[in-house]
Amino acid sequence: YSVNGGTNWSPVAPLNANAATDTDADRFPHIATDRLGRWVVAWHTAERTLGREDIAFSSSLDNGATWSAPAVLNANATLDTGGDFNPCVAVGLSNVWLTAWSSLANLGGTNGAVRIAALLAERGVRAWFVLDEGMAAVAEHPLTGGPASMIGISERGFGTMRVHAVGQPGHSSMPPPQTAVSLVSEAVVRIHD
């Protein structure tokens, strides 16, 4: 963690207390912050004490200075038969933390997308759009202002974007208020967030 905006950093430290002796794999970490000092990281773990091939998580309330003990994210970790991979963590409005991941478990319709949709509806949460393998064609897409077709990608998918900005030329000793570099930087942050 850093207390001075990233100029200096603390030494690297593992989140799990048994990292020095742990022989199982911990992979695919994903971290998110509410920018108010709270952080959540989730990752795939093969750690037998947490759950076999499941999603573990840890949280920090002090900008990463200390972290909670790792715990299994999904309630059915001891019962499921398939592995869970590639977690994605995000914080939404009203400090609601969301995590999604890929699973090889056959949940038979008792969990998964149907249950998530019902829970979000119960809480009054409306999805802006869903990007999955189901595809969608939208008459008025909020990003394009017109018709758009969603391209479904799987856990191994990727996206490539080209960001182009034009700015006012000038000298580095007297730069204009907004440069092409600052515009591209803002665009990258918005894409990321």
C-alpha atoms as a PDB file:
ATOM      1  CA  TYR A   1       0.000   0.000   0.000  1.00  0.00           C
ATOM      2  CA  SER A   2       1.053   3.642  -0.363  1.00  0.00           C
ATOM      3  CA  VAL A   3       0.426   6.599   1.923  1.00  0.00           C
ATOM      4  CA  ASN A   4       1.791   9.202  -0.492  1.00  0.00           C
ATOM      5  CA  GLY A   5      -0.123   8.709  -3.727  1.00  0.00           C
ATOM      6  CA  GLY A   6       2.109   5.945  -5.074  1.00  0.00           C
ATOM      7  CA  THR A   7       5.496   7.632  -4.661  1.00  0.00           C
ATOM      8  CA  ASN A   8       6.571   4.926  -2.201  1.00  0.00           C
ATOM      9  CA  TRP A   9       5.094   1.511  -1.485  1.00  0.00           C
ATOM     10  CA  SER A  10       5.131  -0.877   1.447  1.00  0.00           C
ATOM     11  CA  PRO A  11       6.911  -4.213   0.983  1.00  0.00           C
ATOM     12  CA  VAL A  12       4.965  -6.893  -0.857  1.00  0.00           C
ATOM     13  CA  ALA A  13       2.951  -9.012   1.577  1.00  0.00           C
ATOM     14  CA  PRO A  14       0.710 -12.034   0.953  1.00  0.00           C
ATOM     15  CA  LEU A  15      -2.986 -11.928   1.833  1.00  0.00           C
ATOM     16  CA  ASN A  16      -3.089 -15.516   3.071  1.00  0.00           C
ATOM     17  CA  ALA A  17      -1.212 -16.258   6.292  1.00  0.00           C
ATOM     18  CA  ASN A  18       0.078 -19.614   5.053  1.00  0.00           C
ATOM     19  CA  ALA A  19       1.581 -18.307   1.803  1.00  0.00           C
ATOM     20  CA  ALA A  20       5.094 -19.446   2.762  1.00  0.00           C
ATOM     21  CA  THR A  21       4.030 -23.093   3.128  1.00  0.00           C
ATOM     22  CA  ASP A  22       0.998 -23.191   0.830  1.00  0.00           C
ATOM     23  CA  THR A  23       1.612 -25.518  -2.136  1.00  0.00           C
ATOM     24  CA  ASP A  24      -1.758 -24.923  -3.815  1.00  0.00           C
ATOM     25  CA  ALA A  25      -2.269 -22.389  -6.575  1.00  0.00           C
ATOM     26  CA  ASP A  26      -3.773 -18.941  -6.058  1.00  0.00           C
ATOM     27  CA  ARG A  27      -4.547 -17.331  -9.427  1.00  0.00           C
ATOM     28  CA  PHE A  28      -6.622 -14.811 -11.350  1.00  0.00           C
ATOM     29  CA  PRO A  29      -6.775 -12.021  -8.735  1.00  0.00           C
ATOM     30  CA  HIS A  30      -9.097  -9.074  -9.275  1.00  0.00           C
ATOM     31  CA  ILE A  31      -9.164  -6.019  -7.026  1.00  0.00           C
ATOM     32  CA  ALA A  32     -11.546  -3.084  -6.697  1.00  0.00           C
ATOM     33  CA  THR A  33     -11.860   0.003  -4.520  1.00  0.00           C
ATOM     34  CA  ASP A  34     -14.589   2.450  -3.632  1.00  0.00           C
ATOM     35  CA  ARG A  35     -11.894   5.186  -3.551  1.00  0.00           C
ATOM     36  CA  LEU A  36     -12.817   5.845   0.091  1.00  0.00           C
ATOM     37  CA  GLY A  37     -10.205   3.507   1.564  1.00  0.00           C
ATOM     38  CA  ARG A  38     -12.123   0.238   1.147  1.00  0.00           C
ATOM     39  CA  TRP A  39     -10.653  -2.464  -1.107  1.00  0.00           C
ATOM     40  CA  VAL A  40     -11.769  -5.982  -1.990  1.00  0.00           C
ATOM     41  CA  VAL A  41      -9.652  -8.582  -3.774  1.00  0.00           C
ATOM     42  CA  ALA A  42     -10.982 -11.921  -5.006  1.00  0.00           C
ATOM     43  CA  TRP A  43      -9.015 -14.771  -6.550  1.00  0.00           C
ATOM     44  CA  HIS A  44      -9.235 -18.404  -7.588  1.00  0.00           C
ATOM     45  CA  THR A  45      -7.754 -20.688  -4.960  1.00  0.00           C
ATOM     46  CA  ALA A  46      -6.954 -24.374  -4.886  1.00  0.00           C
ATOM     47  CA  GLU A  47      -6.299 -24.019  -1.137  1.00  0.00           C
ATOM     48  CA  ARG A  48      -7.755 -27.074   0.572  1.00  0.00           C
ATOM     49  CA  THR A  49      -8.524 -25.245   3.823  1.00  0.00           C
ATOM     50  CA  LEU A  50     -10.631 -22.652   1.968  1.00  0.00           C
ATOM     51  CA  GLY A  51     -12.354 -24.881  -0.551  1.00  0.00           C
ATOM     52  CA  ARG A  52     -11.140 -26.789  -3.555  1.00  0.00           C
ATOM     53  CA  GLU A  53     -11.064 -24.718  -6.759  1.00  0.00           C
ATOM     54  CA  ASP A  54     -13.153 -21.889  -5.337  1.00  0.00           C
ATOM     55  CA  ILE A  55     -13.140 -18.093  -5.118  1.00  0.00           C
ATOM     56  CA  ALA A  56     -11.504 -16.584  -2.035  1.00  0.00           C
ATOM     57  CA  PHE A  57     -11.653 -12.934  -1.025  1.00  0.00           C
ATOM     58  CA  SER A  58     -10.138 -10.507   1.438  1.00  0.00           C
ATOM     59  CA  SER A  59     -10.978  -6.885   2.213  1.00  0.00           C
ATOM     60  CA  SER A  60      -9.218  -3.832   3.584  1.00  0.00           C
ATOM     61  CA  LEU A  61     -10.813  -0.831   5.288  1.00  0.00           C
ATOM     62  CA  ASP A  62      -7.584   1.197   5.509  1.00  0.00           C
ATOM     63  CA  ASN A  63      -6.348   1.530   1.912  1.00  0.00           C
ATOM     64  CA  GLY A  64      -4.573  -1.816   1.978  1.00  0.00           C
ATOM     65  CA  ALA A  65      -2.531  -1.370   5.157  1.00  0.00           C
ATOM     66  CA  THR A  66      -4.292  -4.389   6.717  1.00  0.00           C
ATOM     67  CA  TRP A  67      -6.470  -7.123   5.213  1.00  0.00           C
ATOM     68  CA  SER A  68      -9.121  -9.470   6.558  1.00  0.00           C
ATOM     69  CA  ALA A  69      -8.367 -13.175   6.709  1.00  0.00           C
ATOM     70  CA  PRO A  70      -9.157 -14.853   3.382  1.00  0.00           C
ATOM     71  CA  ALA A  71     -12.566 -16.520   3.195  1.00  0.00           C
ATOM     72  CA  VAL A  72     -14.479 -18.415   0.533  1.00  0.00           C
ATOM     73  CA  LEU A  73     -16.871 -16.172  -1.375  1.00  0.00           C
ATOM     74  CA  ASN A  74     -19.546 -18.636  -2.461  1.00  0.00           C
ATOM     75  CA  ALA A  75     -21.793 -20.181   0.176  1.00  0.00           C
ATOM     76  CA  ASN A  76     -21.851 -23.568  -1.576  1.00  0.00           C
ATOM     77  CA  ALA A  77     -18.065 -23.979  -1.674  1.00  0.00           C
ATOM     78  CA  THR A  78     -18.070 -27.185   0.369  1.00  0.00           C
ATOM     79  CA  LEU A  79     -20.883 -28.723  -1.697  1.00  0.00           C
ATOM     80  CA  ASP A  80     -20.204 -27.746  -5.299  1.00  0.00           C
ATOM     81  CA  THR A  81     -18.529 -30.196  -7.635  1.00  0.00           C
ATOM     82  CA  GLY A  82     -17.052 -27.873 -10.251  1.00  0.00           C
ATOM     83  CA  GLY A  83     -14.261 -25.359 -10.092  1.00  0.00           C
ATOM     84  CA  ASP A  84     -14.784 -21.603  -9.883  1.00  0.00           C
ATOM     85  CA  PHE A  85     -12.455 -19.253 -11.791  1.00  0.00           C
ATOM     86  CA  ASN A  86     -11.806 -15.703 -13.010  1.00  0.00           C
ATOM     87  CA  PRO A  87     -13.523 -13.510 -10.416  1.00  0.00           C
ATOM     88  CA  CYS A  88     -14.409  -9.925 -11.220  1.00  0.00           C
ATOM     89  CA  VAL A  89     -15.071  -7.506  -8.344  1.00  0.00           C
ATOM     90  CA  ALA A  90     -16.818  -4.145  -8.628  1.00  0.00           C
ATOM     91  CA  VAL A  91     -18.424  -1.615  -6.331  1.00  0.00           C
ATOM     92  CA  GLY A  92     -21.670  -0.047  -7.428  1.00  0.00           C
ATOM     93  CA  LEU A  93     -23.923   2.702  -6.173  1.00  0.00           C
ATOM     94  CA  SER A  94     -24.706   2.847  -2.447  1.00  0.00           C
ATOM     95  CA  ASN A  95     -21.497   0.919  -1.707  1.00  0.00           C
ATOM     96  CA  VAL A  96     -22.913  -2.376  -3.020  1.00  0.00           C
ATOM     97  CA  TRP A  97     -20.052  -4.757  -3.808  1.00  0.00           C
ATOM     98  CA  LEU A  98     -20.601  -7.231  -6.647  1.00  0.00           C
ATOM     99  CA  THR A  99     -18.548 -10.249  -7.660  1.00  0.00           C
ATOM    100  CA  ALA A 100     -19.061 -12.502 -10.655  1.00  0.00           C
ATOM    101  CA  TRP A 101     -17.028 -15.510 -11.737  1.00  0.00           C
ATOM    102  CA  SER A 102     -16.970 -18.457 -14.096  1.00  0.00           C
ATOM    103  CA  SER A 103     -18.011 -21.805 -12.667  1.00  0.00           C
ATOM    104  CA  LEU A 104     -17.847 -25.363 -13.895  1.00  0.00           C
ATOM    105  CA  ALA A 105     -20.404 -26.419 -11.286  1.00  0.00           C
ATOM    106  CA  ASN A 106     -23.799 -27.590 -12.482  1.00  0.00           C
ATOM    107  CA  LEU A 107     -26.124 -25.694 -10.171  1.00  0.00           C
ATOM    108  CA  GLY A 108     -29.302 -27.016 -11.774  1.00  0.00           C
ATOM    109  CA  GLY A 109     -30.994 -23.619 -11.893  1.00  0.00           C
ATOM    110  CA  THR A 110     -30.986 -23.249  -8.100  1.00  0.00           C
ATOM    111  CA  ASN A 111     -28.229 -20.654  -8.139  1.00  0.00           C
ATOM    112  CA  GLY A 112     -26.382 -18.872 -10.885  1.00  0.00           C
ATOM    113  CA  ALA A 113     -27.872 -16.315 -13.240  1.00  0.00           C
ATOM    114  CA  VAL A 114     -31.525 -16.924 -12.340  1.00  0.00           C
ATOM    115  CA  ARG A 115     -30.876 -16.422  -8.647  1.00  0.00           C
ATOM    116  CA  ILE A 116     -28.634 -13.400  -9.219  1.00  0.00           C
ATOM    117  CA  ALA A 117     -31.307 -11.761 -11.410  1.00  0.00           C
ATOM    118  CA  ALA A 118     -33.990 -12.403  -8.775  1.00  0.00           C
ATOM    119  CA  LEU A 119     -31.833 -10.990  -5.981  1.00  0.00           C
ATOM    120  CA  LEU A 120     -30.947  -7.864  -7.966  1.00  0.00           C
ATOM    121  CA  ALA A 121     -34.620  -7.340  -8.866  1.00  0.00           C
ATOM    122  CA  GLU A 122     -35.581  -7.745  -5.200  1.00  0.00           C
ATOM    123  CA  ARG A 123     -33.038  -5.057  -4.291  1.00  0.00           C
ATOM    124  CA  GLY A 124     -34.246  -2.732  -7.042  1.00  0.00           C
ATOM    125  CA  VAL A 125     -30.989  -2.975  -9.001  1.00  0.00           C
ATOM    126  CA  ARG A 126     -31.373  -2.632 -12.749  1.00  0.00           C
ATOM    127  CA  ALA A 127     -28.563  -3.698 -15.051  1.00  0.00           C
ATOM    128  CA  TRP A 128     -27.426  -1.134 -17.567  1.00  0.00           C
ATOM    129  CA  PHE A 129     -26.416  -3.907 -19.946  1.00  0.00           C
ATOM    130  CA  VAL A 130     -25.157  -7.458 -19.701  1.00  0.00           C
ATOM    131  CA  LEU A 131     -22.128  -8.707 -21.565  1.00  0.00           C
ATOM    132  CA  ASP A 132     -22.140 -12.476 -21.785  1.00  0.00           C
ATOM    133  CA  GLU A 133     -22.353 -15.305 -24.251  1.00  0.00           C
ATOM    134  CA  GLY A 134     -26.092 -14.752 -24.763  1.00  0.00           C
ATOM    135  CA  MET A 135     -25.699 -11.835 -27.173  1.00  0.00           C
ATOM    136  CA  ALA A 136     -28.150  -8.977 -27.397  1.00  0.00           C
ATOM    137  CA  ALA A 137     -29.337  -6.546 -30.021  1.00  0.00           C
ATOM    138  CA  VAL A 138     -30.495  -3.238 -28.587  1.00  0.00           C
ATOM    139  CA  ALA A 139     -32.564  -0.649 -30.469  1.00  0.00           C
ATOM    140  CA  GLU A 140     -31.212   2.318 -28.472  1.00  0.00           C
ATOM    141  CA  HIS A 141     -27.940   1.488 -26.774  1.00  0.00           C
ATOM    142  CA  PRO A 142     -26.869   3.978 -24.061  1.00  0.00           C
ATOM    143  CA  LEU A 143     -23.281   4.101 -25.356  1.00  0.00           C
ATOM    144  CA  THR A 144     -24.061   4.562 -29.050  1.00  0.00           C
ATOM    145  CA  GLY A 145     -27.387   6.371 -28.849  1.00  0.00           C
ATOM    146  CA  GLY A 146     -28.664   4.026 -31.559  1.00  0.00           C
ATOM    147  CA  PRO A 147     -28.877   0.355 -32.452  1.00  0.00           C
ATOM    148  CA  ALA A 148     -26.045  -1.915 -31.341  1.00  0.00           C
ATOM    149  CA  SER A 149     -25.355  -5.619 -31.126  1.00  0.00           C
ATOM    150  CA  MET A 150     -23.444  -6.916 -28.161  1.00  0.00           C
ATOM    151  CA  ILE A 151     -20.558  -9.262 -28.825  1.00  0.00           C
ATOM    152  CA  GLY A 152     -20.542 -12.083 -26.296  1.00  0.00           C
ATOM    153  CA  ILE A 153     -17.206 -13.172 -24.925  1.00  0.00           C
ATOM    154  CA  SER A 154     -16.377 -15.997 -22.578  1.00  0.00           C
ATOM    155  CA  GLU A 155     -13.959 -16.142 -19.690  1.00  0.00           C
ATOM    156  CA  ARG A 156     -11.085 -16.477 -22.133  1.00  0.00           C
ATOM    157  CA  GLY A 157     -12.210 -13.618 -24.317  1.00  0.00           C
ATOM    158  CA  PHE A 158     -10.624 -10.253 -24.700  1.00  0.00           C
ATOM    159  CA  GLY A 159     -11.457  -6.897 -26.103  1.00  0.00           C
ATOM    160  CA  THR A 160      -9.310  -4.493 -28.076  1.00  0.00           C
ATOM    161  CA  MET A 161     -10.092  -0.800 -28.132  1.00  0.00           C
ATOM    162  CA  ARG A 162      -8.473   2.029 -29.998  1.00  0.00           C
ATOM    163  CA  VAL A 163      -8.602   5.425 -28.309  1.00  0.00           C
ATOM    164  CA  HIS A 164      -7.837   8.494 -30.418  1.00  0.00           C
ATOM    165  CA  ALA A 165      -7.725  12.079 -29.224  1.00  0.00           C
ATOM    166  CA  VAL A 166      -6.895  15.347 -30.912  1.00  0.00           C
ATOM    167  CA  GLY A 167      -5.615  18.209 -28.834  1.00  0.00           C
ATOM    168  CA  GLN A 168      -4.393  21.743 -29.233  1.00  0.00           C
ATOM    169  CA  PRO A 169      -0.681  21.855 -30.084  1.00  0.00           C
ATOM    170  CA  GLY A 170       1.674  23.750 -27.828  1.00  0.00           C
ATOM    171  CA  HIS A 171       4.997  23.731 -26.083  1.00  0.00           C
ATOM    172  CA  SER A 172       5.588  21.648 -22.953  1.00  0.00           C
ATOM    173  CA  SER A 173       6.592  24.770 -21.013  1.00  0.00           C
ATOM    174  CA  MET A 174       3.143  26.284 -21.704  1.00  0.00           C
ATOM    175  CA  PRO A 175       0.770  23.350 -22.292  1.00  0.00           C
ATOM    176  CA  PRO A 176      -2.895  24.001 -23.022  1.00  0.00           C
ATOM    177  CA  PRO A 177      -5.394  23.116 -20.264  1.00  0.00           C
ATOM    178  CA  GLN A 178      -6.320  19.850 -22.019  1.00  0.00           C
ATOM    179  CA  THR A 179      -3.832  17.960 -24.152  1.00  0.00           C
ATOM    180  CA  ALA A 180      -4.382  14.908 -26.326  1.00  0.00           C
ATOM    181  CA  VAL A 181      -2.520  12.879 -23.683  1.00  0.00           C
ATOM    182  CA  SER A 182      -4.832  14.068 -20.899  1.00  0.00           C
ATOM    183  CA  LEU A 183      -7.890  13.270 -23.051  1.00  0.00           C
ATOM    184  CA  VAL A 184      -6.612   9.735 -23.731  1.00  0.00           C
ATOM    185  CA  SER A 185      -5.830   9.321 -20.014  1.00  0.00           C
ATOM    186  CA  GLU A 186      -9.376  10.311 -19.066  1.00  0.00           C
ATOM    187  CA  ALA A 187     -10.779   7.912 -21.669  1.00  0.00           C
ATOM    188  CA  VAL A 188      -8.692   5.006 -20.342  1.00  0.00           C
ATOM    189  CA  VAL A 189      -9.843   5.701 -16.767  1.00  0.00           C
ATOM    190  CA  ARG A 190     -13.486   5.789 -17.910  1.00  0.00           C
ATOM    191  CA  ILE A 191     -13.090   2.534 -19.832  1.00  0.00           C
ATOM    192  CA  HIS A 192     -11.463   0.939 -16.787  1.00  0.00           C
ATOM    193  CA  ASP A 193     -14.080   2.221 -14.326  1.00  0.00           C
END
